[in-house]
N, C-alpha and C. Protein backbone atom coordinates (compact mmCIF):
# COMPACT_ATOMS: atom_id res chain seq x y z
N UNK A 1 0.89 -0.21 -11.74
CA UNK A 1 1.64 0.51 -10.71
C UNK A 1 2.50 1.58 -11.37
N UNK A 2 2.47 2.79 -10.84
CA UNK A 2 3.23 3.92 -11.36
C UNK A 2 4.21 4.40 -10.31
N UNK A 3 5.47 4.60 -10.72
CA UNK A 3 6.46 5.12 -9.79
C UNK A 3 6.32 6.63 -9.71
N UNK A 4 5.94 7.11 -8.54
CA UNK A 4 5.82 8.55 -8.33
C UNK A 4 5.96 8.87 -6.85
N UNK A 5 6.17 10.14 -6.57
CA UNK A 5 6.15 10.65 -5.21
C UNK A 5 5.30 11.91 -5.22
N UNK A 6 4.58 12.15 -4.12
CA UNK A 6 3.70 13.31 -4.06
C UNK A 6 4.38 14.48 -3.35
N UNK A 7 4.01 15.67 -3.78
CA UNK A 7 4.44 16.90 -3.12
C UNK A 7 3.39 17.22 -2.05
N UNK A 8 3.68 16.84 -0.82
CA UNK A 8 2.72 17.02 0.26
C UNK A 8 2.60 18.50 0.63
N UNK A 9 1.39 18.97 0.93
CA UNK A 9 1.19 20.41 1.20
C UNK A 9 1.96 20.88 2.43
N UNK A 10 2.59 22.04 2.31
CA UNK A 10 3.34 22.61 3.42
C UNK A 10 2.46 22.82 4.65
N UNK A 11 1.21 23.23 4.42
CA UNK A 11 0.29 23.49 5.53
C UNK A 11 -0.02 22.23 6.33
N UNK A 12 0.20 21.06 5.72
CA UNK A 12 -0.11 19.80 6.39
C UNK A 12 1.10 19.20 7.11
N UNK A 13 2.24 19.91 7.07
CA UNK A 13 3.46 19.36 7.68
C UNK A 13 3.29 19.23 9.19
N UNK A 14 3.74 18.09 9.71
CA UNK A 14 3.63 17.80 11.15
C UNK A 14 5.02 17.59 11.75
N UNK A 15 5.81 16.71 11.13
CA UNK A 15 7.21 16.56 11.49
C UNK A 15 7.50 16.09 12.89
N UNK A 16 6.73 15.13 13.39
CA UNK A 16 6.92 14.63 14.75
C UNK A 16 7.53 13.23 14.72
N UNK A 17 8.69 13.09 15.37
CA UNK A 17 9.29 11.77 15.48
C UNK A 17 8.53 10.93 16.50
N UNK A 18 8.29 9.67 16.16
CA UNK A 18 7.55 8.78 17.05
C UNK A 18 8.48 7.65 17.51
N UNK A 19 8.72 7.51 18.80
CA UNK A 19 9.56 6.41 19.29
C UNK A 19 8.96 5.06 18.90
N UNK A 20 9.81 4.14 18.52
CA UNK A 20 9.32 2.82 18.10
C UNK A 20 8.54 2.13 19.22
N UNK A 21 8.91 2.43 20.46
CA UNK A 21 8.23 1.79 21.60
C UNK A 21 6.74 2.10 21.63
N UNK A 22 6.32 3.24 21.06
CA UNK A 22 4.91 3.60 21.04
C UNK A 22 4.07 2.57 20.29
N UNK A 23 4.66 1.97 19.27
CA UNK A 23 3.92 0.98 18.50
C UNK A 23 3.81 -0.34 19.26
N UNK A 24 4.75 -0.61 20.15
CA UNK A 24 4.64 -1.80 20.98
C UNK A 24 3.45 -1.67 21.93
N UNK A 25 3.15 -0.45 22.35
CA UNK A 25 2.07 -0.24 23.32
C UNK A 25 0.69 -0.40 22.70
N UNK A 26 0.59 -0.08 21.40
CA UNK A 26 -0.72 -0.04 20.76
C UNK A 26 -1.01 -1.22 19.85
N UNK A 27 -0.08 -2.10 19.70
CA UNK A 27 -0.30 -3.26 18.82
C UNK A 27 0.30 -4.50 19.47
N UNK A 28 -0.26 -5.63 19.07
CA UNK A 28 0.27 -6.89 19.58
C UNK A 28 1.55 -7.20 18.81
N UNK A 29 2.67 -6.97 19.45
CA UNK A 29 3.97 -7.12 18.79
C UNK A 29 4.74 -8.23 19.49
N UNK A 30 5.05 -9.28 18.76
CA UNK A 30 5.79 -10.41 19.32
C UNK A 30 7.26 -10.04 19.49
N UNK A 31 7.98 -10.89 20.20
CA UNK A 31 9.41 -10.66 20.39
C UNK A 31 10.14 -10.65 19.05
N UNK A 32 9.71 -11.54 18.14
CA UNK A 32 10.36 -11.59 16.82
C UNK A 32 10.11 -10.31 16.03
N UNK A 33 8.89 -9.76 16.16
CA UNK A 33 8.58 -8.53 15.45
C UNK A 33 9.32 -7.34 16.06
N UNK A 34 9.49 -7.36 17.38
CA UNK A 34 10.29 -6.30 18.01
C UNK A 34 11.71 -6.32 17.47
N UNK A 35 12.24 -7.51 17.28
CA UNK A 35 13.59 -7.63 16.73
C UNK A 35 13.66 -7.04 15.32
N UNK A 36 12.58 -7.23 14.54
CA UNK A 36 12.53 -6.64 13.20
C UNK A 36 12.54 -5.12 13.28
N UNK A 37 11.76 -4.56 14.22
CA UNK A 37 11.77 -3.12 14.43
C UNK A 37 13.19 -2.64 14.71
N UNK A 38 13.87 -3.33 15.62
CA UNK A 38 15.22 -2.91 16.03
C UNK A 38 16.20 -3.02 14.87
N UNK A 39 16.12 -4.11 14.11
CA UNK A 39 17.11 -4.37 13.06
C UNK A 39 16.81 -3.62 11.76
N UNK A 40 15.54 -3.30 11.51
CA UNK A 40 15.17 -2.72 10.21
C UNK A 40 14.91 -1.22 10.24
N UNK A 41 14.45 -0.69 11.38
CA UNK A 41 13.97 0.69 11.42
C UNK A 41 14.93 1.59 12.18
N UNK A 42 15.37 2.66 11.53
CA UNK A 42 16.22 3.66 12.19
C UNK A 42 15.37 4.74 12.86
N UNK A 43 14.29 5.15 12.18
CA UNK A 43 13.49 6.26 12.69
C UNK A 43 12.11 6.24 12.03
N UNK A 44 11.09 6.63 12.80
CA UNK A 44 9.73 6.80 12.27
C UNK A 44 9.32 8.24 12.53
N UNK A 45 8.90 8.92 11.48
CA UNK A 45 8.47 10.32 11.62
C UNK A 45 7.08 10.50 11.03
N UNK A 46 6.21 11.10 11.81
CA UNK A 46 4.88 11.47 11.33
C UNK A 46 5.06 12.79 10.60
N UNK A 47 5.17 12.72 9.27
CA UNK A 47 5.57 13.89 8.49
C UNK A 47 4.42 14.84 8.17
N UNK A 48 3.27 14.29 7.77
CA UNK A 48 2.17 15.14 7.33
C UNK A 48 0.84 14.61 7.85
N UNK A 49 -0.08 15.54 8.05
CA UNK A 49 -1.43 15.22 8.48
C UNK A 49 -2.39 15.89 7.50
N UNK A 50 -3.00 15.07 6.64
CA UNK A 50 -3.95 15.58 5.66
C UNK A 50 -5.34 15.52 6.28
N UNK A 51 -5.89 16.67 6.60
CA UNK A 51 -7.17 16.73 7.29
C UNK A 51 -7.92 17.98 6.83
N UNK A 52 -9.17 18.08 7.27
CA UNK A 52 -9.98 19.23 6.87
C UNK A 52 -9.32 20.54 7.28
N UNK A 53 -8.67 20.55 8.45
CA UNK A 53 -8.06 21.77 8.96
C UNK A 53 -6.78 22.15 8.22
N UNK A 54 -6.12 21.16 7.57
CA UNK A 54 -4.83 21.44 6.95
C UNK A 54 -4.90 21.57 5.43
N UNK A 55 -5.84 20.87 4.79
CA UNK A 55 -5.93 20.96 3.32
C UNK A 55 -7.34 21.31 2.85
N UNK A 56 -8.22 21.62 3.80
CA UNK A 56 -9.55 22.14 3.48
C UNK A 56 -10.40 21.19 2.62
N UNK A 57 -10.34 19.90 2.95
CA UNK A 57 -11.22 18.92 2.30
C UNK A 57 -12.10 18.30 3.37
N UNK A 58 -13.39 18.16 3.15
CA UNK A 58 -14.27 17.56 4.15
C UNK A 58 -13.92 16.10 4.41
N UNK A 59 -14.02 15.71 5.70
CA UNK A 59 -13.70 14.34 6.06
C UNK A 59 -14.98 13.50 6.07
N UNK A 60 -14.83 12.25 6.54
CA UNK A 60 -15.97 11.34 6.63
C UNK A 60 -15.64 10.28 7.67
N UNK A 61 -16.64 9.48 8.03
CA UNK A 61 -16.37 8.37 8.95
C UNK A 61 -15.38 7.39 8.35
N UNK A 62 -15.43 7.24 7.03
CA UNK A 62 -14.53 6.30 6.35
C UNK A 62 -13.09 6.80 6.38
N UNK A 63 -12.89 8.09 6.16
CA UNK A 63 -11.55 8.68 6.16
C UNK A 63 -11.59 10.01 6.91
N UNK A 64 -11.36 9.99 8.23
CA UNK A 64 -11.37 11.24 9.00
C UNK A 64 -10.14 12.11 8.74
N UNK A 65 -9.02 11.47 8.43
CA UNK A 65 -7.79 12.17 8.05
C UNK A 65 -6.83 11.14 7.48
N UNK A 66 -5.78 11.61 6.83
CA UNK A 66 -4.78 10.73 6.22
C UNK A 66 -3.41 11.14 6.75
N UNK A 67 -2.65 10.16 7.23
CA UNK A 67 -1.31 10.44 7.76
C UNK A 67 -0.25 10.02 6.74
N UNK A 68 0.84 10.76 6.72
CA UNK A 68 2.00 10.39 5.91
C UNK A 68 3.15 10.14 6.88
N UNK A 69 3.64 8.90 6.90
CA UNK A 69 4.74 8.52 7.78
C UNK A 69 6.00 8.25 6.96
N UNK A 70 7.12 8.80 7.41
CA UNK A 70 8.41 8.43 6.83
C UNK A 70 9.08 7.42 7.73
N UNK A 71 9.44 6.27 7.16
CA UNK A 71 10.12 5.21 7.90
C UNK A 71 11.51 5.03 7.30
N UNK A 72 12.53 5.35 8.08
CA UNK A 72 13.91 5.26 7.60
C UNK A 72 14.47 3.88 7.90
N UNK A 73 14.91 3.20 6.86
CA UNK A 73 15.44 1.85 7.01
C UNK A 73 16.89 1.87 7.45
N UNK A 74 17.24 0.92 8.33
CA UNK A 74 18.65 0.77 8.71
C UNK A 74 19.43 0.07 7.60
N UNK A 75 18.77 -0.84 6.91
CA UNK A 75 19.43 -1.62 5.87
C UNK A 75 18.80 -1.38 4.52
N UNK A 76 18.49 -2.50 3.83
CA UNK A 76 18.01 -2.38 2.46
C UNK A 76 16.51 -2.10 2.37
N UNK A 77 15.76 -2.39 3.44
CA UNK A 77 14.31 -2.18 3.36
C UNK A 77 13.68 -2.35 4.74
N UNK A 78 12.37 -2.07 4.77
CA UNK A 78 11.55 -2.32 5.95
C UNK A 78 10.45 -3.29 5.54
N UNK A 79 10.29 -4.37 6.27
CA UNK A 79 9.38 -5.43 5.86
C UNK A 79 7.92 -5.09 6.14
N UNK A 80 7.02 -5.78 5.45
CA UNK A 80 5.59 -5.53 5.60
C UNK A 80 5.07 -5.77 7.01
N UNK A 81 5.53 -6.79 7.74
CA UNK A 81 5.04 -6.96 9.12
C UNK A 81 5.31 -5.75 10.00
N UNK A 82 6.43 -5.07 9.78
CA UNK A 82 6.73 -3.86 10.56
C UNK A 82 5.78 -2.74 10.18
N UNK A 83 5.57 -2.54 8.88
CA UNK A 83 4.64 -1.51 8.43
C UNK A 83 3.22 -1.81 8.93
N UNK A 84 2.84 -3.08 8.91
CA UNK A 84 1.50 -3.46 9.37
C UNK A 84 1.32 -3.17 10.86
N UNK A 85 2.37 -3.38 11.65
CA UNK A 85 2.29 -3.09 13.08
C UNK A 85 2.07 -1.60 13.32
N UNK A 86 2.74 -0.78 12.52
CA UNK A 86 2.54 0.67 12.63
C UNK A 86 1.12 1.02 12.19
N UNK A 87 0.70 0.44 11.07
CA UNK A 87 -0.64 0.70 10.54
C UNK A 87 -1.73 0.37 11.56
N UNK A 88 -1.59 -0.76 12.20
CA UNK A 88 -2.62 -1.22 13.14
C UNK A 88 -2.66 -0.37 14.41
N UNK A 89 -1.56 0.30 14.70
CA UNK A 89 -1.50 1.12 15.92
C UNK A 89 -2.11 2.51 15.72
N UNK A 90 -2.33 2.90 14.46
CA UNK A 90 -2.84 4.23 14.14
C UNK A 90 -4.24 4.09 13.54
N UNK A 91 -5.27 4.69 14.14
CA UNK A 91 -6.65 4.47 13.70
C UNK A 91 -7.09 5.33 12.52
N UNK A 92 -6.16 5.70 11.65
CA UNK A 92 -6.49 6.45 10.45
C UNK A 92 -5.62 5.92 9.30
N UNK A 93 -6.02 6.16 8.05
CA UNK A 93 -5.21 5.69 6.92
C UNK A 93 -3.81 6.29 6.92
N UNK A 94 -2.84 5.50 6.47
CA UNK A 94 -1.44 5.93 6.42
C UNK A 94 -0.87 5.71 5.02
N UNK A 95 -0.14 6.70 4.53
CA UNK A 95 0.70 6.54 3.35
C UNK A 95 2.14 6.54 3.87
N UNK A 96 2.89 5.48 3.57
CA UNK A 96 4.28 5.40 4.02
C UNK A 96 5.23 5.86 2.92
N UNK A 97 6.27 6.56 3.33
CA UNK A 97 7.44 6.75 2.48
C UNK A 97 8.61 6.07 3.20
N UNK A 98 9.07 4.98 2.64
CA UNK A 98 10.20 4.23 3.21
C UNK A 98 11.47 4.72 2.52
N UNK A 99 12.47 5.08 3.32
CA UNK A 99 13.72 5.58 2.76
C UNK A 99 14.88 4.65 3.12
N UNK A 100 15.89 4.65 2.28
CA UNK A 100 17.10 3.87 2.56
C UNK A 100 18.30 4.55 1.92
N UNK A 101 19.48 4.25 2.44
CA UNK A 101 20.73 4.74 1.85
C UNK A 101 21.24 3.69 0.86
N UNK A 102 21.42 4.10 -0.38
CA UNK A 102 21.95 3.21 -1.41
C UNK A 102 23.32 3.70 -1.86
N UNK A 103 23.98 2.90 -2.68
CA UNK A 103 25.33 3.25 -3.15
C UNK A 103 25.32 4.59 -3.88
N UNK A 104 24.26 4.84 -4.67
CA UNK A 104 24.20 6.07 -5.45
C UNK A 104 23.35 7.15 -4.79
N UNK A 105 23.11 7.04 -3.48
CA UNK A 105 22.39 8.07 -2.76
C UNK A 105 21.10 7.56 -2.13
N UNK A 106 20.40 8.44 -1.45
CA UNK A 106 19.17 8.06 -0.75
C UNK A 106 18.07 7.71 -1.75
N UNK A 107 17.30 6.68 -1.42
CA UNK A 107 16.18 6.24 -2.24
C UNK A 107 14.90 6.22 -1.41
N UNK A 108 13.78 6.34 -2.11
CA UNK A 108 12.46 6.36 -1.47
C UNK A 108 11.50 5.49 -2.25
N UNK A 109 10.62 4.82 -1.54
CA UNK A 109 9.48 4.16 -2.19
C UNK A 109 8.23 4.50 -1.39
N UNK A 110 7.14 4.69 -2.08
CA UNK A 110 5.86 4.94 -1.43
C UNK A 110 5.11 3.63 -1.33
N UNK A 111 4.55 3.36 -0.16
CA UNK A 111 3.86 2.09 0.06
C UNK A 111 2.65 2.34 0.96
N UNK A 112 1.57 1.61 0.69
CA UNK A 112 0.36 1.77 1.51
C UNK A 112 -0.52 0.54 1.32
N UNK A 113 -1.35 0.32 2.31
CA UNK A 113 -2.41 -0.69 2.21
C UNK A 113 -3.72 0.04 2.43
N UNK A 114 -4.76 -0.40 1.75
CA UNK A 114 -6.07 0.21 2.00
C UNK A 114 -6.51 -0.18 3.40
N UNK A 115 -6.83 0.84 4.21
CA UNK A 115 -7.26 0.61 5.59
C UNK A 115 -8.74 0.91 5.70
N UNK A 116 -9.51 -0.10 6.08
CA UNK A 116 -10.95 0.06 6.24
C UNK A 116 -11.26 0.22 7.72
N UNK A 117 -11.81 1.37 8.07
CA UNK A 117 -12.11 1.67 9.47
C UNK A 117 -13.51 1.20 9.82
N UNK A 118 -13.74 0.98 11.11
CA UNK A 118 -15.04 0.54 11.59
C UNK A 118 -14.92 0.12 13.04
N UNK A 119 -15.91 -0.61 13.51
CA UNK A 119 -15.85 -1.10 14.88
C UNK A 119 -14.70 -2.09 15.02
N UNK A 120 -13.96 -1.98 16.11
CA UNK A 120 -12.84 -2.88 16.34
C UNK A 120 -11.60 -2.45 15.58
N UNK A 121 -10.69 -3.40 15.40
CA UNK A 121 -9.42 -3.11 14.74
C UNK A 121 -9.64 -2.82 13.26
N UNK A 122 -8.86 -1.90 12.67
CA UNK A 122 -9.01 -1.62 11.24
C UNK A 122 -8.61 -2.82 10.40
N UNK A 123 -9.26 -2.97 9.25
CA UNK A 123 -8.93 -4.05 8.32
C UNK A 123 -7.97 -3.50 7.27
N UNK A 124 -6.87 -4.21 7.08
CA UNK A 124 -5.82 -3.75 6.17
C UNK A 124 -5.67 -4.72 5.01
N UNK A 125 -5.67 -4.18 3.80
CA UNK A 125 -5.53 -5.01 2.61
C UNK A 125 -4.06 -5.34 2.37
N UNK A 126 -3.77 -5.96 1.23
CA UNK A 126 -2.39 -6.21 0.86
C UNK A 126 -1.67 -4.87 0.65
N UNK A 127 -0.34 -4.88 0.82
CA UNK A 127 0.43 -3.66 0.63
C UNK A 127 0.75 -3.45 -0.85
N UNK A 128 0.66 -2.19 -1.25
CA UNK A 128 0.93 -1.77 -2.62
C UNK A 128 2.12 -0.82 -2.56
N UNK A 129 3.00 -0.89 -3.54
CA UNK A 129 4.21 -0.09 -3.47
C UNK A 129 4.70 0.35 -4.83
N UNK A 130 5.37 1.50 -4.86
CA UNK A 130 6.12 1.91 -6.04
C UNK A 130 7.47 1.18 -6.01
N UNK A 131 8.26 1.37 -7.05
CA UNK A 131 9.64 0.92 -7.00
C UNK A 131 10.48 1.94 -6.25
N UNK A 132 11.73 1.60 -6.00
CA UNK A 132 12.65 2.55 -5.36
C UNK A 132 12.98 3.67 -6.32
N UNK A 133 12.98 4.91 -5.81
CA UNK A 133 13.26 6.09 -6.62
C UNK A 133 14.28 6.97 -5.91
N UNK A 134 15.07 7.75 -6.66
CA UNK A 134 15.99 8.68 -6.00
C UNK A 134 15.20 9.66 -5.13
N UNK A 135 15.76 10.02 -4.00
CA UNK A 135 15.06 10.90 -3.07
C UNK A 135 14.78 12.27 -3.67
N UNK A 136 15.59 12.69 -4.67
CA UNK A 136 15.37 14.00 -5.29
C UNK A 136 14.48 13.92 -6.52
N UNK A 137 13.76 12.81 -6.69
CA UNK A 137 12.80 12.69 -7.79
C UNK A 137 11.78 13.84 -7.72
N UNK A 138 11.45 14.39 -8.86
CA UNK A 138 10.48 15.48 -8.89
C UNK A 138 9.12 14.96 -8.42
N UNK A 139 8.53 15.67 -7.48
CA UNK A 139 7.27 15.22 -6.89
C UNK A 139 6.07 15.83 -7.62
N UNK A 140 4.97 15.06 -7.62
CA UNK A 140 3.75 15.51 -8.30
C UNK A 140 2.78 16.11 -7.30
N UNK A 141 1.98 17.05 -7.77
CA UNK A 141 0.95 17.65 -6.94
C UNK A 141 -0.09 16.60 -6.56
N UNK A 142 -0.75 16.80 -5.44
CA UNK A 142 -1.80 15.86 -5.02
C UNK A 142 -2.91 15.82 -6.06
N UNK A 143 -3.54 14.66 -6.23
CA UNK A 143 -4.68 14.57 -7.16
C UNK A 143 -5.81 15.49 -6.72
N UNK A 144 -6.58 15.96 -7.69
CA UNK A 144 -7.75 16.77 -7.39
C UNK A 144 -8.83 15.90 -6.77
N UNK A 145 -9.40 16.36 -5.67
CA UNK A 145 -10.44 15.59 -4.98
C UNK A 145 -11.36 16.55 -4.23
N UNK A 146 -12.60 16.10 -3.97
CA UNK A 146 -13.56 16.96 -3.27
C UNK A 146 -13.77 16.52 -1.83
N UNK A 147 -13.28 15.34 -1.46
CA UNK A 147 -13.36 14.86 -0.08
C UNK A 147 -12.08 14.12 0.24
N UNK A 148 -11.83 13.90 1.54
CA UNK A 148 -10.66 13.11 1.94
C UNK A 148 -10.78 11.67 1.45
N UNK A 149 -12.00 11.13 1.42
CA UNK A 149 -12.20 9.77 0.92
C UNK A 149 -11.78 9.66 -0.54
N UNK A 150 -12.19 10.66 -1.34
CA UNK A 150 -11.83 10.66 -2.76
C UNK A 150 -10.33 10.85 -2.93
N UNK A 151 -9.73 11.68 -2.08
CA UNK A 151 -8.28 11.88 -2.14
C UNK A 151 -7.54 10.59 -1.80
N UNK A 152 -8.01 9.90 -0.78
CA UNK A 152 -7.39 8.63 -0.37
C UNK A 152 -7.39 7.63 -1.52
N UNK A 153 -8.54 7.50 -2.20
CA UNK A 153 -8.64 6.59 -3.34
C UNK A 153 -7.70 7.02 -4.45
N UNK A 154 -7.62 8.33 -4.71
CA UNK A 154 -6.76 8.83 -5.78
C UNK A 154 -5.28 8.65 -5.46
N UNK A 155 -4.91 8.77 -4.18
CA UNK A 155 -3.51 8.57 -3.77
C UNK A 155 -3.09 7.11 -3.96
N UNK A 156 -4.02 6.19 -3.71
CA UNK A 156 -3.68 4.76 -3.80
C UNK A 156 -3.75 4.23 -5.23
N UNK A 157 -4.53 4.89 -6.09
CA UNK A 157 -4.74 4.35 -7.44
C UNK A 157 -3.44 4.07 -8.21
N UNK A 158 -2.44 5.00 -8.21
CA UNK A 158 -1.21 4.71 -8.97
C UNK A 158 -0.44 3.50 -8.44
N UNK A 159 -0.70 3.09 -7.19
CA UNK A 159 0.01 1.95 -6.62
C UNK A 159 -0.61 0.62 -7.03
N UNK A 160 -1.82 0.67 -7.57
CA UNK A 160 -2.54 -0.54 -7.88
C UNK A 160 -2.27 -1.00 -9.31
N UNK A 161 -2.67 -2.25 -9.59
CA UNK A 161 -2.60 -2.79 -10.95
C UNK A 161 -3.96 -2.75 -11.63
N UNK A 162 -4.89 -1.99 -11.06
CA UNK A 162 -6.23 -1.90 -11.64
C UNK A 162 -6.61 -0.42 -11.76
N UNK A 163 -7.56 -0.16 -12.65
CA UNK A 163 -8.08 1.20 -12.79
C UNK A 163 -9.29 1.36 -11.89
N UNK A 164 -9.35 2.48 -11.18
CA UNK A 164 -10.51 2.75 -10.34
C UNK A 164 -11.67 3.17 -11.24
N UNK A 165 -12.80 2.49 -11.10
CA UNK A 165 -13.96 2.75 -11.95
C UNK A 165 -14.81 3.86 -11.36
N UNK A 166 -15.56 4.57 -12.21
CA UNK A 166 -16.40 5.67 -11.72
C UNK A 166 -17.32 5.22 -10.59
N UNK A 167 -17.30 5.98 -9.50
CA UNK A 167 -18.17 5.68 -8.37
C UNK A 167 -17.68 4.57 -7.46
N UNK A 168 -16.51 4.00 -7.77
CA UNK A 168 -15.99 2.88 -6.99
C UNK A 168 -15.17 3.38 -5.81
N UNK A 169 -15.42 2.83 -4.63
CA UNK A 169 -14.65 3.17 -3.45
C UNK A 169 -13.45 2.26 -3.30
N UNK A 170 -12.53 2.64 -2.39
CA UNK A 170 -11.32 1.84 -2.21
C UNK A 170 -11.60 0.48 -1.63
N UNK A 171 -12.69 0.30 -0.90
CA UNK A 171 -13.03 -1.03 -0.39
C UNK A 171 -13.30 -1.98 -1.55
N UNK A 172 -14.00 -1.48 -2.56
CA UNK A 172 -14.28 -2.30 -3.74
C UNK A 172 -13.01 -2.55 -4.55
N UNK A 173 -12.16 -1.54 -4.63
CA UNK A 173 -10.88 -1.71 -5.33
C UNK A 173 -10.03 -2.76 -4.62
N UNK A 174 -10.02 -2.71 -3.28
CA UNK A 174 -9.24 -3.68 -2.50
C UNK A 174 -9.74 -5.09 -2.75
N UNK A 175 -11.06 -5.26 -2.87
CA UNK A 175 -11.63 -6.58 -3.16
C UNK A 175 -11.18 -7.05 -4.54
N UNK A 176 -11.18 -6.13 -5.51
CA UNK A 176 -10.74 -6.51 -6.85
C UNK A 176 -9.26 -6.88 -6.87
N UNK A 177 -8.46 -6.12 -6.12
CA UNK A 177 -7.03 -6.44 -6.05
C UNK A 177 -6.80 -7.83 -5.45
N UNK A 178 -7.62 -8.17 -4.46
CA UNK A 178 -7.52 -9.50 -3.85
C UNK A 178 -7.85 -10.57 -4.88
N UNK A 179 -8.90 -10.32 -5.69
CA UNK A 179 -9.27 -11.27 -6.74
C UNK A 179 -8.19 -11.36 -7.82
N UNK A 180 -7.60 -10.20 -8.15
CA UNK A 180 -6.52 -10.19 -9.15
C UNK A 180 -5.35 -11.06 -8.68
N UNK A 181 -4.96 -10.89 -7.43
CA UNK A 181 -3.87 -11.69 -6.89
C UNK A 181 -4.17 -13.18 -6.93
N UNK A 182 -5.41 -13.53 -6.57
CA UNK A 182 -5.82 -14.94 -6.59
C UNK A 182 -5.78 -15.50 -8.01
N UNK A 183 -6.30 -14.73 -8.96
CA UNK A 183 -6.32 -15.19 -10.35
C UNK A 183 -4.91 -15.29 -10.92
N UNK A 184 -4.04 -14.36 -10.58
CA UNK A 184 -2.65 -14.42 -11.07
C UNK A 184 -1.95 -15.67 -10.56
N UNK A 185 -2.19 -16.02 -9.30
CA UNK A 185 -1.59 -17.25 -8.76
C UNK A 185 -2.14 -18.48 -9.47
N UNK A 186 -3.44 -18.49 -9.71
CA UNK A 186 -4.06 -19.63 -10.39
C UNK A 186 -3.53 -19.77 -11.82
N UNK A 187 -3.35 -18.64 -12.50
CA UNK A 187 -2.83 -18.66 -13.88
C UNK A 187 -1.41 -19.19 -13.92
N UNK A 188 -0.58 -18.78 -12.97
CA UNK A 188 0.80 -19.29 -12.92
C UNK A 188 0.82 -20.80 -12.70
N UNK A 189 -0.06 -21.28 -11.82
CA UNK A 189 -0.14 -22.73 -11.57
C UNK A 189 -0.57 -23.47 -12.82
N UNK A 190 -1.57 -22.94 -13.52
CA UNK A 190 -2.05 -23.58 -14.75
C UNK A 190 -0.97 -23.58 -15.83
N UNK A 191 -0.25 -22.48 -15.96
CA UNK A 191 0.83 -22.42 -16.96
C UNK A 191 1.92 -23.43 -16.65
N UNK A 192 2.21 -23.60 -15.37
CA UNK A 192 3.22 -24.58 -14.97
C UNK A 192 2.75 -26.00 -15.29
N UNK A 193 1.50 -26.29 -15.00
CA UNK A 193 0.94 -27.61 -15.29
C UNK A 193 0.92 -27.88 -16.80
N UNK A 194 0.59 -26.83 -17.56
CA UNK A 194 0.50 -26.98 -19.01
C UNK A 194 1.86 -27.32 -19.61
N UNK A 195 2.93 -26.75 -19.05
CA UNK A 195 4.27 -27.03 -19.57
C UNK A 195 4.70 -28.47 -19.33
N UNK A 196 4.20 -29.09 -18.27
CA UNK A 196 4.66 -30.43 -17.92
C UNK A 196 3.67 -31.54 -18.28
N UNK A 197 2.45 -31.15 -18.66
CA UNK A 197 1.42 -32.15 -18.97
C UNK A 197 1.76 -32.89 -20.27
N UNK A 198 1.64 -34.21 -20.25
CA UNK A 198 1.97 -35.05 -21.42
C UNK A 198 0.73 -35.44 -22.22
N UNK A 199 -0.40 -35.60 -21.54
CA UNK A 199 -1.60 -36.07 -22.22
C UNK A 199 -2.25 -34.96 -23.03
N UNK A 200 -2.55 -35.27 -24.31
CA UNK A 200 -3.09 -34.28 -25.22
C UNK A 200 -4.45 -33.75 -24.74
N UNK A 201 -5.35 -34.65 -24.36
CA UNK A 201 -6.68 -34.24 -23.92
C UNK A 201 -6.61 -33.34 -22.68
N UNK A 202 -5.71 -33.69 -21.78
CA UNK A 202 -5.56 -32.90 -20.57
C UNK A 202 -4.99 -31.52 -20.90
N UNK A 203 -4.08 -31.45 -21.89
CA UNK A 203 -3.54 -30.16 -22.32
C UNK A 203 -4.65 -29.25 -22.85
N UNK A 204 -5.56 -29.82 -23.63
CA UNK A 204 -6.67 -29.04 -24.17
C UNK A 204 -7.53 -28.48 -23.04
N UNK A 205 -7.81 -29.30 -22.04
CA UNK A 205 -8.62 -28.87 -20.91
C UNK A 205 -7.92 -27.77 -20.11
N UNK A 206 -6.63 -27.94 -19.90
CA UNK A 206 -5.87 -26.93 -19.16
C UNK A 206 -5.85 -25.59 -19.91
N UNK A 207 -5.71 -25.64 -21.25
CA UNK A 207 -5.72 -24.42 -22.05
C UNK A 207 -7.08 -23.73 -21.96
N UNK A 208 -8.15 -24.51 -21.93
CA UNK A 208 -9.50 -23.94 -21.83
C UNK A 208 -9.66 -23.21 -20.49
N UNK A 209 -9.24 -23.88 -19.42
CA UNK A 209 -9.34 -23.28 -18.09
C UNK A 209 -8.46 -22.02 -18.00
N UNK A 210 -7.26 -22.11 -18.60
CA UNK A 210 -6.33 -20.98 -18.56
C UNK A 210 -6.94 -19.76 -19.26
N UNK A 211 -7.54 -19.97 -20.44
CA UNK A 211 -8.14 -18.85 -21.16
C UNK A 211 -9.29 -18.23 -20.36
N UNK A 212 -10.04 -19.07 -19.67
CA UNK A 212 -11.15 -18.57 -18.84
C UNK A 212 -10.61 -17.70 -17.71
N UNK A 213 -9.56 -18.17 -17.04
CA UNK A 213 -8.96 -17.41 -15.94
C UNK A 213 -8.34 -16.10 -16.44
N UNK A 214 -7.72 -16.14 -17.61
CA UNK A 214 -7.12 -14.92 -18.17
C UNK A 214 -8.19 -13.89 -18.51
N UNK A 215 -9.34 -14.37 -19.02
CA UNK A 215 -10.45 -13.46 -19.31
C UNK A 215 -11.01 -12.85 -18.03
N UNK A 216 -11.11 -13.66 -16.98
CA UNK A 216 -11.59 -13.17 -15.69
C UNK A 216 -10.63 -12.12 -15.13
N UNK A 217 -9.33 -12.34 -15.33
CA UNK A 217 -8.33 -11.39 -14.84
C UNK A 217 -8.48 -10.04 -15.54
N UNK A 218 -8.69 -10.06 -16.84
CA UNK A 218 -8.87 -8.82 -17.60
C UNK A 218 -10.11 -8.07 -17.13
N UNK A 219 -11.16 -8.80 -16.80
CA UNK A 219 -12.39 -8.16 -16.31
C UNK A 219 -12.17 -7.49 -14.97
N UNK A 220 -11.36 -8.11 -14.11
CA UNK A 220 -11.10 -7.55 -12.79
C UNK A 220 -10.23 -6.29 -12.86
N UNK A 221 -9.40 -6.20 -13.90
CA UNK A 221 -8.51 -5.05 -14.03
C UNK A 221 -9.22 -3.87 -14.67
């Protein structure tokens, strides 16, 4: 994961505030989740629209356009269930910039989940995020890409703990990230068991399994 912010193209600026109630209409939002919206979110703004008409990159069925949403937090952060509710209400990929007021000034973090479009509701992977950064952090130019699909993959790559392989799409990367998370949890469990195991033979077996899982983790990354 790399801490960065992108310099979004001026031509793609949209700047439309979206009332929180709009997300209640388009997603199944429980009373508890509505309370999270009220307590966590000050404002949602559709800041940029990356599309063929605004940045001159051809689209596809997989990625017809990419939205950039700014979500201003009332407190220290905005939780993933709130971001997921927004994500599910919008039928295109979203890159979020979550902002908050800190003691030393405004901070921003970029967060996104890979969104797979198709028939029915979009499928959303785990959320990936940078750390909190000062709002005046120098922004980087968008990655070079020949299609919106390639741009989407390139935008998400710095948020991941894996390297995108040649010819690999974000759906495949999302699957690998899921496997990485599973293996990391298994490795932590094995390490915990190894610390408390008393039997010598069992320790040897646990170390063997641990090394196998660690090798599998390296392959997935």
